[in-house]
Amino acid sequence: MKRKFWGPYVVIGGLVLATTTTYLSAAGDEFPLDDAYIHFVYAEHLAQQGELSFNRGEPGVGTTSILWVLLLAGLHCLGLPTYLGARLVGLLSLFAVGCAAYELARATFVRWERIEPTVPAQVATGLVLLSGNLLWFTLSGMETMLFLALGLGALVLYLHRQFVPLGIVLGLLSLTRIEGLALLIVIGLVELLSERRPTRPVLLIGLLATICLAPWVLYLHGRTGLWLPTSFAGKKWAQLQALQAFASRSPLTAPLLAFKPVLYLSAWFFYTLLFVLGGIAWPGPRWPVGRLIGSSDITLSWVGLGFGLGLVPLFKHAVRCSWEWLRRRCDLAQTPDRVLLAFLGWVALHNLAYMFILPILGTASRYGALNHVVLWLAIAVGLFAIPRPRCAFRLAAAVVAVVALTDTIYWGRVYAANVEHTRDVRVRAAQFVARYLPPQAVVAAHDIGVVKYFIPQRVVDLGGLTDPAFVGYEKEGRVAEYLRERGVDYLLLPDKHSTEEKPAYDYRQALGLRNCSDFVLEEIAAFENDRRRWALGSVPTWNALPSVHLYRLRWK
């Protein structure tokens, strides 16, 4: 009996180790995302200097995940290097996501399909753990998988009515990312809907979550005058500029910017078709769909499109099952039904928040990582909801297996290309700065994580993440004044590849620095890798421009 109980979790652990080891063996020691290094800087400064800062004495707080920083800082104090700490917590988080997904899948198949749940739940969990996006998040050095692990873990605690740890985990979830409050709200609403009145469990989880979250929020407000990290304003402003630049290159899609829900849903549909279900990964005849949005690097394989469309009946079955359960069989007197309703409500509220506040998917779709769990669970539900004959099930299972393995292999290649770009472009640029620039030099950069992690010089942020004042300067066209006030000597900016005529996004133009009369920009060095390798990693992640250029500012 004990062997049967632990068996699925042993398999989950083995699958986690196998997939992540495969990804790492083909990549390297670096991370694919610049933002990860921002957290590393904060964690090491906190561990070594006792100060939560990017540059010593700086007022802003450029980390959106204080729990992630605290975990990395704590492991650093115990002697574990920061990069290994990030790997370790990422792997444990993926394992926790797999275990929670298994529990939730069992509840789903019992309540929705009324079938013996073990095999369907194992298949659903396997699909989740093979998700290339989730594996990328696990090894990205970011808090994404920790957020998912805490959120899904909270639902498992809710399933077992463990309200004290549930309240604590919901508080930790909100410390990981503030949008974790959505799950707290949804669970409270489900309990109120079920009991028709406020109950002690609802008040308890609300109180415990508040106790966890309140010190951080009060600290932020006391230090910066804001209720959220300063990085939120910078991110929102940067994404608005990116969307406007995107619209200027693609008149056909520009009207979508006025309708955020349509923009958000359209982005998810095409992203899923291209980069999750294998639309871009297969060889053969291709359709240059990227021309619709001004990119020649995005092409849709007709073979990949065929496999993606082959899953449509499964999604149809999954929608039918969920609708039938909501309309006829949902019984809020049953705890599993409360949990499943809370899960669906969390997915809906999480997406609605991004749809109207920040209607983008984030790097590699990390802002909507929860959607990848839902996607593969839905595919599994649709697969096991197929009516007889069994030949239809076998055919559908074969299509699912091909799509899942294609997704895993494709994102392994993407991860390796992202890490290669970090190592050969961003780290090389930072090492050049550390070696050849004076120690007292002040360097301004748009992507600040890698450069600050590898250099001792002061780094001025041109993205508004660490300094809340920057966005105001940029909106008023006073970036040059901002640079002068902070004594900037050098600029480190992303740019086009040497084989391109113009960049996808012109940072110097956007910052008002291309033809500025206050100074002359003297290029010192440029760093890039093979453009095909860069494109392989950048197209599905929207991660970085292909090169980094270092300039000396000669003030007039």
Protein backbone atom coordinates (compact mmCIF):
# COMPACT_ATOMS: atom_id res chain seq x y z
CA MET A 1 0.00 0.00 0.00
CA LYS A 2 2.82 2.39 0.88
CA ARG A 3 4.63 1.51 -2.35
CA LYS A 4 1.54 2.28 -4.38
CA PHE A 5 1.13 5.66 -2.64
CA TRP A 6 4.71 6.84 -3.19
CA GLY A 7 5.08 5.44 -6.70
CA PRO A 8 3.68 8.42 -8.66
CA TYR A 9 5.80 10.91 -6.70
CA VAL A 10 8.97 8.91 -7.35
CA VAL A 11 8.14 8.96 -11.06
CA ILE A 12 7.50 12.72 -10.88
CA GLY A 13 10.90 13.26 -9.26
CA GLY A 14 12.63 11.10 -11.87
CA LEU A 15 10.95 12.95 -14.74
CA VAL A 16 11.91 16.32 -13.26
CA LEU A 17 15.57 15.28 -12.96
CA ALA A 18 15.66 13.73 -16.44
CA THR A 19 14.19 16.71 -18.29
CA THR A 20 16.05 19.45 -16.43
CA THR A 21 19.37 17.59 -16.68
CA THR A 22 18.87 17.27 -20.43
CA TYR A 23 18.21 21.01 -20.73
CA LEU A 24 21.23 21.95 -18.62
CA SER A 25 23.62 19.58 -20.36
CA ALA A 26 22.88 21.27 -23.69
CA ALA A 27 23.16 24.81 -22.30
CA GLY A 28 25.60 26.05 -19.66
CA ASP A 29 26.01 27.72 -16.30
CA GLU A 30 24.37 31.04 -17.16
CA PHE A 31 20.66 31.92 -17.20
CA PRO A 32 18.48 32.90 -20.16
CA LEU A 33 16.91 36.01 -18.64
CA ASP A 34 18.53 39.28 -17.58
CA ASP A 35 15.92 39.86 -14.86
CA ALA A 36 17.20 36.80 -13.00
CA TYR A 37 20.49 38.55 -12.36
CA ILE A 38 18.68 41.56 -10.89
CA HIS A 39 17.33 39.25 -8.19
CA PHE A 40 20.80 37.74 -7.75
CA VAL A 41 22.26 41.22 -7.14
CA TYR A 42 19.64 42.05 -4.53
CA ALA A 43 20.07 38.65 -2.85
CA GLU A 44 23.86 38.89 -2.63
CA HIS A 45 23.80 42.50 -1.45
CA LEU A 46 21.30 41.53 1.24
CA ALA A 47 23.39 38.54 2.33
CA GLN A 48 26.76 40.30 2.21
CA GLN A 49 25.91 43.91 3.12
CA GLY A 50 22.62 43.60 4.97
CA GLU A 51 21.01 46.04 2.54
CA LEU A 52 18.19 45.46 0.07
CA SER A 53 19.64 47.55 -2.76
CA PHE A 54 20.85 47.40 -6.33
CA ASN A 55 23.46 50.12 -5.81
CA ARG A 56 24.34 50.99 -2.23
CA GLY A 57 22.07 53.73 -0.87
CA GLU A 58 19.63 53.63 -3.79
CA PRO A 59 15.99 54.32 -2.74
CA GLY A 60 14.15 52.17 -5.27
CA VAL A 61 13.31 48.47 -4.93
CA GLY A 62 13.67 46.75 -8.29
CA THR A 63 12.61 43.25 -7.30
CA THR A 64 9.01 42.17 -7.75
CA SER A 65 9.57 39.00 -5.71
CA ILE A 66 10.88 39.60 -2.22
CA LEU A 67 10.38 35.95 -1.22
CA TRP A 68 12.61 34.81 -4.08
CA VAL A 69 15.31 37.28 -3.00
CA LEU A 70 15.05 36.20 0.65
CA LEU A 71 15.35 32.51 -0.29
CA LEU A 72 18.42 33.13 -2.44
CA ALA A 73 19.97 35.36 0.22
CA GLY A 74 19.35 32.73 2.90
CA LEU A 75 20.92 29.96 0.81
CA HIS A 76 23.85 32.27 0.06
CA CYS A 77 24.39 32.80 3.79
CA LEU A 78 24.45 29.01 4.18
CA GLY A 79 27.31 28.82 1.67
CA LEU A 80 25.38 27.91 -1.49
CA PRO A 81 26.28 30.12 -4.50
CA THR A 82 23.36 32.17 -5.72
CA TYR A 83 23.17 30.52 -9.12
CA LEU A 84 23.05 27.06 -7.51
CA GLY A 85 20.41 28.26 -5.05
CA ALA A 86 18.24 29.43 -7.95
CA ARG A 87 18.65 26.06 -9.68
CA LEU A 88 17.81 24.15 -6.50
CA VAL A 89 14.67 26.11 -5.65
CA GLY A 90 13.57 25.93 -9.29
CA LEU A 91 13.89 22.13 -9.34
CA LEU A 92 12.09 21.71 -6.02
CA SER A 93 9.34 24.03 -7.27
CA LEU A 94 8.87 22.00 -10.46
CA PHE A 95 8.66 18.82 -8.36
CA ALA A 96 6.04 20.50 -6.14
CA VAL A 97 4.09 21.62 -9.22
CA GLY A 98 4.09 18.04 -10.50
CA CYS A 99 2.84 16.64 -7.18
CA ALA A 100 0.12 19.29 -6.88
CA ALA A 101 -0.93 18.82 -10.50
CA TYR A 102 -1.30 15.09 -9.84
CA GLU A 103 -3.55 15.72 -6.82
CA LEU A 104 -5.68 18.24 -8.71
CA ALA A 105 -5.89 16.02 -11.79
CA ARG A 106 -7.17 13.13 -9.67
CA ALA A 107 -9.86 15.36 -8.19
CA THR A 108 -10.77 16.61 -11.66
CA PHE A 109 -11.23 13.18 -13.21
CA VAL A 110 -13.23 11.91 -10.23
CA ARG A 111 -15.60 14.87 -10.19
CA TRP A 112 -15.81 15.71 -13.89
CA GLU A 113 -15.56 12.38 -15.64
CA ARG A 114 -16.45 10.02 -12.77
CA ILE A 115 -13.73 7.56 -13.78
CA GLU A 116 -10.90 5.81 -11.96
CA PRO A 117 -8.41 8.68 -11.86
CA THR A 118 -4.96 7.16 -11.40
CA VAL A 119 -3.86 6.63 -15.03
CA PRO A 120 -5.48 9.84 -16.40
CA ALA A 121 -3.92 11.84 -13.57
CA GLN A 122 -0.50 10.33 -14.28
CA VAL A 123 -0.81 11.20 -17.96
CA ALA A 124 -1.92 14.76 -17.14
CA THR A 125 0.99 15.22 -14.75
CA GLY A 126 3.44 13.87 -17.30
CA LEU A 127 2.20 16.37 -19.88
CA VAL A 128 2.61 19.23 -17.41
CA LEU A 129 6.16 18.19 -16.54
CA LEU A 130 7.09 17.84 -20.21
CA SER A 131 5.93 21.40 -20.94
CA GLY A 132 8.88 23.18 -22.51
CA ASN A 133 7.73 26.52 -21.17
CA LEU A 134 7.58 25.24 -17.59
CA LEU A 135 11.03 23.69 -17.94
CA TRP A 136 12.34 27.02 -19.26
CA PHE A 137 10.78 28.81 -16.27
CA THR A 138 12.29 26.25 -13.89
CA LEU A 139 15.81 26.95 -15.13
CA SER A 140 15.37 30.69 -15.79
CA GLY A 141 16.61 31.84 -12.37
CA MET A 142 13.28 33.55 -11.76
CA GLU A 143 10.47 33.06 -9.24
CA THR A 144 7.92 31.81 -11.80
CA MET A 145 7.89 28.16 -10.76
CA LEU A 146 7.97 29.05 -7.07
CA PHE A 147 4.82 31.10 -7.69
CA LEU A 148 3.13 28.15 -9.40
CA ALA A 149 4.25 25.71 -6.71
CA LEU A 150 2.84 27.85 -3.91
CA GLY A 151 -0.41 28.52 -5.77
CA LEU A 152 -1.10 24.91 -6.68
CA GLY A 153 0.13 23.82 -3.26
CA ALA A 154 -2.41 26.18 -1.68
CA LEU A 155 -5.17 24.46 -3.64
CA VAL A 156 -3.99 21.05 -2.37
CA LEU A 157 -4.05 22.38 1.21
CA TYR A 158 -7.55 23.69 0.53
CA LEU A 159 -8.50 20.23 -0.73
CA HIS A 160 -7.43 18.78 2.63
CA ARG A 161 -8.99 21.68 4.61
CA GLN A 162 -5.67 22.66 6.20
CA PHE A 163 -6.55 26.30 6.80
CA VAL A 164 -3.60 27.41 8.96
CA PRO A 165 -0.89 26.36 6.46
CA LEU A 166 -3.22 27.51 3.66
CA GLY A 167 -3.27 31.07 5.01
CA ILE A 168 0.53 31.09 5.38
CA VAL A 169 1.09 29.69 1.88
CA LEU A 170 -1.28 32.27 0.37
CA GLY A 171 0.70 35.00 2.13
CA LEU A 172 3.96 33.57 0.75
CA LEU A 173 2.36 33.37 -2.70
CA SER A 174 1.63 37.11 -2.58
CA LEU A 175 5.19 37.77 -1.43
CA THR A 176 6.41 35.86 -4.46
CA ARG A 177 4.29 37.97 -6.81
CA ILE A 178 1.63 40.41 -5.68
CA GLU A 179 -0.91 38.97 -8.14
CA GLY A 180 -1.02 35.95 -5.84
CA LEU A 181 -3.72 37.88 -3.99
CA ALA A 182 -6.08 36.72 -6.75
CA LEU A 183 -6.10 33.18 -5.35
CA LEU A 184 -6.72 34.45 -1.82
CA ILE A 185 -9.70 36.44 -3.09
CA VAL A 186 -11.10 33.51 -5.07
CA ILE A 187 -10.84 31.02 -2.19
CA GLY A 188 -12.56 33.51 0.09
CA LEU A 189 -15.37 33.99 -2.43
CA VAL A 190 -15.83 30.23 -2.92
CA GLU A 191 -16.08 29.71 0.84
CA LEU A 192 -18.58 32.57 1.17
CA LEU A 193 -20.62 31.19 -1.73
CA SER A 194 -20.60 27.72 -0.18
CA GLU A 195 -21.36 28.67 3.44
CA ARG A 196 -23.53 31.76 2.74
CA ARG A 197 -21.71 33.67 5.48
CA PRO A 198 -18.22 34.60 6.63
CA THR A 199 -16.70 31.64 8.43
CA ARG A 200 -13.78 31.20 10.79
CA PRO A 201 -11.64 29.51 8.11
CA VAL A 202 -12.10 32.49 5.76
CA LEU A 203 -11.17 34.97 8.47
CA LEU A 204 -8.23 32.81 9.52
CA ILE A 205 -6.65 32.50 6.07
CA GLY A 206 -7.21 36.21 5.46
CA LEU A 207 -5.56 37.11 8.76
CA LEU A 208 -2.56 34.82 8.25
CA ALA A 209 -2.00 36.00 4.68
CA THR A 210 -2.16 39.61 5.84
CA ILE A 211 0.36 38.96 8.61
CA CYS A 212 2.76 37.55 6.00
CA LEU A 213 2.27 40.31 3.44
CA ALA A 214 1.79 43.45 5.53
CA PRO A 215 5.40 43.96 6.71
CA TRP A 216 6.68 43.94 3.15
CA VAL A 217 4.03 46.35 1.87
CA LEU A 218 4.58 48.72 4.80
CA TYR A 219 8.34 48.56 4.28
CA LEU A 220 7.93 49.42 0.59
CA HIS A 221 5.69 52.38 1.34
CA GLY A 222 7.97 53.65 4.05
CA ARG A 223 11.05 53.43 1.84
CA THR A 224 9.69 54.51 -1.57
CA GLY A 225 6.29 56.07 -0.92
CA LEU A 226 4.74 53.40 -3.14
CA TRP A 227 2.66 50.33 -2.27
CA LEU A 228 4.31 48.23 -4.98
CA PRO A 229 7.97 47.74 -5.96
CA THR A 230 9.33 50.52 -8.16
CA SER A 231 9.96 47.97 -10.89
CA PHE A 232 6.21 47.74 -11.55
CA ALA A 233 6.00 51.28 -12.95
CA GLY A 234 9.12 50.74 -15.03
CA LYS A 235 7.84 47.47 -16.47
CA LYS A 236 4.47 48.91 -17.34
CA TRP A 237 6.01 51.94 -19.07
CA ALA A 238 8.51 49.80 -21.00
CA GLN A 239 5.80 47.43 -22.18
CA LEU A 240 3.60 50.32 -23.29
CA GLN A 241 6.46 51.64 -25.40
CA ALA A 242 7.09 48.20 -26.85
CA LEU A 243 3.43 47.81 -27.80
CA GLN A 244 3.43 51.23 -29.47
CA ALA A 245 6.56 50.33 -31.43
CA PHE A 246 4.92 47.05 -32.41
CA ALA A 247 1.83 48.92 -33.65
CA SER A 248 3.94 51.33 -35.70
CA ARG A 249 5.48 48.38 -37.59
CA SER A 250 2.20 46.54 -38.05
CA PRO A 251 -0.74 48.75 -39.05
CA LEU A 252 -2.99 45.71 -39.34
CA THR A 253 -2.63 44.94 -35.64
CA ALA A 254 -2.47 48.52 -34.34
CA PRO A 255 -6.27 48.67 -33.69
CA LEU A 256 -5.87 45.82 -31.19
CA LEU A 257 -4.09 48.18 -28.81
CA ALA A 258 -7.39 49.97 -28.18
CA PHE A 259 -9.05 46.69 -27.16
CA LYS A 260 -6.91 45.10 -24.47
CA PRO A 261 -9.01 41.92 -24.07
CA VAL A 262 -8.84 41.22 -27.80
CA LEU A 263 -5.10 41.94 -27.84
CA TYR A 264 -4.48 39.66 -24.88
CA LEU A 265 -6.57 36.75 -26.15
CA SER A 266 -5.18 37.02 -29.68
CA ALA A 267 -1.62 37.04 -28.36
CA TRP A 268 -2.28 33.91 -26.31
CA PHE A 269 -3.94 32.09 -29.21
CA PHE A 270 -1.11 32.67 -31.68
CA TYR A 271 1.58 32.15 -29.04
CA THR A 272 0.10 28.79 -28.06
CA LEU A 273 -0.31 27.66 -31.66
CA LEU A 274 3.21 28.70 -32.66
CA PHE A 275 5.37 28.09 -29.61
CA VAL A 276 3.55 25.52 -27.45
CA LEU A 277 1.75 23.19 -29.84
CA GLY A 278 4.67 23.04 -32.26
CA GLY A 279 3.57 25.40 -35.03
CA ILE A 280 7.08 26.78 -35.47
CA ALA A 281 9.09 23.69 -34.52
CA TRP A 282 8.37 21.39 -37.45
CA PRO A 283 10.20 21.45 -40.82
CA GLY A 284 8.51 21.42 -44.20
CA PRO A 285 6.54 24.06 -46.11
CA ARG A 286 6.18 27.23 -44.07
CA TRP A 287 3.91 30.28 -43.96
CA PRO A 288 5.70 33.57 -43.04
CA VAL A 289 3.07 34.70 -40.55
CA GLY A 290 5.59 37.03 -38.91
CA ARG A 291 5.15 39.51 -41.74
CA LEU A 292 1.77 40.40 -40.24
CA ILE A 293 3.60 41.85 -37.23
CA GLY A 294 6.73 43.07 -38.97
CA SER A 295 9.00 40.08 -38.24
CA SER A 296 10.64 37.86 -40.85
CA ASP A 297 11.81 35.36 -38.20
CA ILE A 298 8.39 33.86 -37.40
CA THR A 299 7.22 31.18 -39.81
CA LEU A 300 4.45 28.65 -39.27
CA SER A 301 5.02 25.08 -40.41
CA TRP A 302 2.05 23.54 -42.16
CA VAL A 303 2.90 20.22 -40.52
CA GLY A 304 2.98 21.89 -37.10
CA LEU A 305 -0.31 23.61 -37.85
CA GLY A 306 -1.84 20.22 -38.68
CA PHE A 307 -0.77 18.73 -35.36
CA GLY A 308 -2.02 21.80 -33.48
CA LEU A 309 -5.41 21.67 -35.18
CA GLY A 310 -5.53 17.94 -34.41
CA LEU A 311 -5.88 18.85 -30.74
CA VAL A 312 -8.98 21.01 -31.30
CA PRO A 313 -11.40 18.12 -30.61
CA LEU A 314 -9.65 17.53 -27.28
CA PHE A 315 -10.12 21.14 -26.24
CA LYS A 316 -13.75 20.85 -27.31
CA HIS A 317 -14.20 17.78 -25.08
CA ALA A 318 -12.48 19.53 -22.15
CA VAL A 319 -14.73 22.58 -22.47
CA ARG A 320 -17.79 20.33 -22.63
CA CYS A 321 -16.72 18.44 -19.49
CA SER A 322 -16.05 21.60 -17.51
CA TRP A 323 -19.32 23.19 -18.62
CA GLU A 324 -21.34 20.09 -17.76
CA TRP A 325 -19.67 19.95 -14.35
CA LEU A 326 -20.37 23.63 -13.65
CA ARG A 327 -23.97 23.43 -14.87
CA ARG A 328 -25.10 20.12 -13.44
CA ARG A 329 -22.67 18.33 -11.18
CA CYS A 330 -20.85 21.03 -9.20
CA ASP A 331 -21.76 20.48 -5.56
CA LEU A 332 -20.23 23.06 -3.23
CA ALA A 333 -21.04 20.84 -0.27
CA GLN A 334 -18.18 18.69 -1.56
CA THR A 335 -14.66 19.98 -0.84
CA PRO A 336 -13.15 18.74 -4.16
CA ASP A 337 -15.76 20.77 -6.05
CA ARG A 338 -14.88 23.88 -4.06
CA VAL A 339 -11.22 23.37 -4.91
CA LEU A 340 -11.88 22.89 -8.62
CA LEU A 341 -14.10 25.97 -8.68
CA ALA A 342 -11.37 27.93 -6.90
CA PHE A 343 -8.84 26.70 -9.47
CA LEU A 344 -11.00 27.84 -12.39
CA GLY A 345 -11.71 31.13 -10.63
CA TRP A 346 -7.99 31.73 -10.02
CA VAL A 347 -7.20 31.12 -13.70
CA ALA A 348 -9.96 33.54 -14.74
CA LEU A 349 -9.08 36.33 -12.28
CA HIS A 350 -5.33 36.04 -12.91
CA ASN A 351 -5.86 36.44 -16.65
CA LEU A 352 -8.38 39.24 -16.25
CA ALA A 353 -5.90 41.21 -14.13
CA TYR A 354 -3.23 41.00 -16.81
CA MET A 355 -5.74 41.52 -19.59
CA PHE A 356 -6.67 44.97 -18.33
CA ILE A 357 -3.54 46.09 -16.44
CA LEU A 358 -0.60 44.67 -18.39
CA PRO A 359 -1.90 42.88 -21.51
CA ILE A 360 1.33 41.10 -22.44
CA LEU A 361 2.54 37.55 -21.95
CA GLY A 362 5.96 38.38 -20.52
CA THR A 363 9.25 36.76 -21.46
CA ALA A 364 8.49 33.23 -22.71
CA SER A 365 4.89 33.85 -21.47
CA ARG A 366 6.01 33.79 -17.82
CA TYR A 367 3.30 36.22 -16.66
CA GLY A 368 0.77 33.58 -17.61
CA ALA A 369 2.68 30.49 -16.52
CA LEU A 370 -0.49 29.18 -14.88
CA ASN A 371 -2.06 28.92 -18.33
CA HIS A 372 0.45 26.27 -19.37
CA VAL A 373 -0.64 24.04 -16.50
CA VAL A 374 -4.27 24.57 -17.50
CA LEU A 375 -3.49 23.87 -21.16
CA TRP A 376 -1.94 20.45 -20.58
CA LEU A 377 -4.53 19.47 -17.97
CA ALA A 378 -7.24 20.40 -20.47
CA ILE A 379 -5.59 18.27 -23.16
CA ALA A 380 -5.53 15.31 -20.76
CA VAL A 381 -9.18 15.84 -19.79
CA GLY A 382 -10.16 16.03 -23.45
CA LEU A 383 -8.17 12.91 -24.27
CA PHE A 384 -9.82 10.74 -21.61
CA ALA A 385 -13.25 12.18 -22.41
CA ILE A 386 -13.12 10.77 -25.95
CA PRO A 387 -15.99 8.32 -26.42
CA ARG A 388 -15.42 4.88 -27.78
CA PRO A 389 -14.20 3.36 -30.15
CA ARG A 390 -10.72 2.93 -28.76
CA CYS A 391 -9.04 3.60 -32.12
CA ALA A 392 -10.02 7.26 -31.83
CA PHE A 393 -8.43 7.39 -28.38
CA ARG A 394 -5.21 5.79 -29.64
CA LEU A 395 -4.95 8.22 -32.54
CA ALA A 396 -5.55 11.20 -30.27
CA ALA A 397 -3.05 9.88 -27.73
CA ALA A 398 -0.43 9.56 -30.47
CA VAL A 399 -1.00 13.17 -31.56
CA VAL A 400 -0.76 14.38 -27.97
CA ALA A 401 2.47 12.45 -27.42
CA VAL A 402 4.04 13.88 -30.58
CA VAL A 403 3.03 17.44 -29.72
CA ALA A 404 4.25 17.13 -26.10
CA LEU A 405 7.66 15.71 -27.09
CA THR A 406 8.03 18.30 -29.85
CA ASP A 407 7.33 21.04 -27.32
CA THR A 408 9.92 19.66 -24.91
CA ILE A 409 12.64 19.28 -27.54
CA TYR A 410 11.95 22.67 -29.12
CA TRP A 411 12.16 24.56 -25.83
CA GLY A 412 15.35 22.72 -24.93
CA ARG A 413 16.91 24.22 -28.07
CA VAL A 414 15.44 27.62 -27.22
CA TYR A 415 16.86 27.48 -23.69
CA ALA A 416 20.33 26.58 -24.99
CA ALA A 417 20.21 29.45 -27.50
CA ASN A 418 19.09 31.91 -24.77
CA VAL A 419 21.91 30.87 -22.45
CA GLU A 420 24.40 31.09 -25.30
CA HIS A 421 23.30 34.66 -26.00
CA THR A 422 23.64 35.58 -22.33
CA ARG A 423 27.13 34.10 -22.17
CA ASP A 424 28.50 35.31 -25.50
CA VAL A 425 26.91 38.76 -25.60
CA ARG A 426 25.80 40.09 -22.23
CA VAL A 427 28.40 38.46 -20.01
CA ARG A 428 31.18 39.31 -22.47
CA ALA A 429 30.05 42.95 -22.49
CA ALA A 430 30.00 43.04 -18.70
CA GLN A 431 33.44 41.44 -18.45
CA PHE A 432 34.80 44.02 -20.89
CA VAL A 433 33.40 46.82 -18.71
CA ALA A 434 34.86 45.27 -15.56
CA ARG A 435 38.29 44.83 -17.15
CA TYR A 436 38.78 48.03 -19.15
CA LEU A 437 36.66 50.78 -17.55
CA PRO A 438 37.85 52.69 -14.47
CA PRO A 439 36.46 51.45 -11.12
CA GLN A 440 34.88 54.86 -10.49
CA ALA A 441 33.09 54.90 -13.86
CA VAL A 442 29.29 55.14 -13.89
CA VAL A 443 27.59 52.95 -16.50
CA ALA A 444 23.97 53.43 -17.63
CA ALA A 445 22.22 50.40 -19.12
CA HIS A 446 18.75 49.33 -20.12
CA ASP A 447 19.23 45.66 -19.22
CA ILE A 448 20.93 46.00 -15.86
CA GLY A 449 20.96 42.50 -14.36
CA VAL A 450 23.90 40.77 -16.03
CA VAL A 451 26.06 43.90 -16.20
CA LYS A 452 25.69 44.72 -12.50
CA TYR A 453 26.19 41.11 -11.41
CA PHE A 454 29.57 40.94 -13.15
CA ILE A 455 31.00 44.45 -12.64
CA PRO A 456 31.99 46.48 -9.55
CA GLN A 457 31.10 49.85 -11.12
CA ARG A 458 27.90 51.70 -10.33
CA VAL A 459 25.07 50.95 -12.78
CA VAL A 460 22.32 53.46 -13.59
CA ASP A 461 19.05 51.87 -14.70
CA LEU A 462 17.47 53.10 -17.95
CA GLY A 463 14.41 50.90 -17.54
CA GLY A 464 12.88 52.51 -14.46
CA LEU A 465 13.13 49.33 -12.38
CA THR A 466 15.33 50.54 -9.54
CA ASP A 467 14.75 54.31 -9.65
CA PRO A 468 11.12 55.53 -9.55
CA ALA A 469 12.19 58.93 -10.91
CA PHE A 470 13.40 57.65 -14.27
CA VAL A 471 9.98 57.11 -15.88
CA GLY A 472 9.09 60.78 -15.30
CA TYR A 473 12.32 61.92 -16.98
CA GLU A 474 11.69 59.65 -19.96
CA LYS A 475 8.07 60.74 -20.39
CA GLU A 476 9.24 64.38 -20.46
CA GLY A 477 12.10 63.69 -22.87
CA ARG A 478 14.76 64.56 -20.28
CA VAL A 479 16.86 61.38 -20.27
CA ALA A 480 20.03 63.33 -21.08
CA GLU A 481 19.41 65.48 -18.02
CA TYR A 482 18.89 62.33 -15.97
CA LEU A 483 22.24 60.95 -17.15
CA ARG A 484 24.07 64.18 -16.39
CA GLU A 485 22.61 64.45 -12.87
CA ARG A 486 23.81 60.93 -12.08
CA GLY A 487 27.27 61.45 -13.52
CA VAL A 488 27.00 58.79 -16.24
CA ASP A 489 30.20 58.21 -18.23
CA TYR A 490 29.23 55.20 -20.36
CA LEU A 491 26.13 53.69 -22.00
CA LEU A 492 25.49 49.98 -22.55
CA LEU A 493 22.49 49.52 -24.85
CA PRO A 494 20.89 46.71 -26.89
CA ASP A 495 20.96 47.17 -30.65
CA LYS A 496 20.60 45.44 -34.00
CA HIS A 497 22.77 42.69 -35.42
CA SER A 498 25.55 43.75 -37.75
CA THR A 499 23.74 42.00 -40.63
CA GLU A 500 20.54 44.04 -40.13
CA GLU A 501 19.69 47.46 -41.51
CA LYS A 502 17.72 48.61 -38.47
CA PRO A 503 16.84 47.23 -35.02
CA ALA A 504 13.46 45.80 -34.14
CA TYR A 505 13.40 48.42 -31.39
CA ASP A 506 15.68 51.48 -31.41
CA TYR A 507 16.63 52.14 -27.78
CA ARG A 508 18.73 55.20 -28.53
CA GLN A 509 15.84 56.74 -30.45
CA ALA A 510 13.27 55.79 -27.80
CA LEU A 511 15.42 57.32 -25.05
CA GLY A 512 16.03 60.49 -27.08
CA LEU A 513 19.78 59.87 -27.23
CA ARG A 514 20.41 59.34 -30.92
CA ASN A 515 20.83 62.99 -31.91
CA CYS A 516 21.17 64.59 -28.48
CA SER A 517 22.93 67.98 -28.43
CA ASP A 518 24.19 67.56 -24.85
CA PHE A 519 26.86 64.98 -25.64
CA VAL A 520 28.55 62.91 -28.33
CA LEU A 521 28.32 59.12 -28.23
CA GLU A 522 31.59 57.38 -29.02
CA GLU A 523 31.23 53.65 -29.63
CA ILE A 524 33.89 51.63 -27.82
CA ALA A 525 32.84 48.03 -28.40
CA ALA A 526 30.01 45.86 -29.69
CA PHE A 527 29.10 42.30 -28.78
CA GLU A 528 26.93 39.83 -30.71
CA ASN A 529 26.68 36.15 -31.56
CA ASP A 530 25.37 34.30 -34.59
CA ARG A 531 22.07 35.84 -35.58
CA ARG A 532 20.42 32.48 -36.28
CA ARG A 533 21.21 31.31 -32.76
CA TRP A 534 19.92 34.57 -31.34
CA ALA A 535 16.68 34.31 -33.39
CA LEU A 536 16.08 30.72 -32.26
CA GLY A 537 16.09 31.89 -28.65
CA SER A 538 14.51 35.31 -29.08
CA VAL A 539 11.52 34.56 -31.30
CA PRO A 540 9.52 32.56 -28.70
CA THR A 541 10.78 34.52 -25.68
CA TRP A 542 10.87 38.15 -26.90
CA ASN A 543 13.94 38.27 -24.71
CA ALA A 544 16.64 40.54 -26.10
CA LEU A 545 17.96 42.34 -29.15
CA PRO A 546 20.87 40.53 -30.83
CA SER A 547 23.72 42.83 -29.79
CA VAL A 548 24.97 45.08 -27.00
CA HIS A 549 26.94 48.27 -27.72
CA LEU A 550 29.15 50.17 -25.29
CA TYR A 551 29.46 53.95 -25.72
CA ARG A 552 31.48 56.64 -24.01
CA LEU A 553 29.59 59.88 -23.32
CA ARG A 554 31.56 63.00 -24.16
CA TRP A 555 29.60 65.81 -22.56
CA LYS A 556 29.62 69.18 -24.29
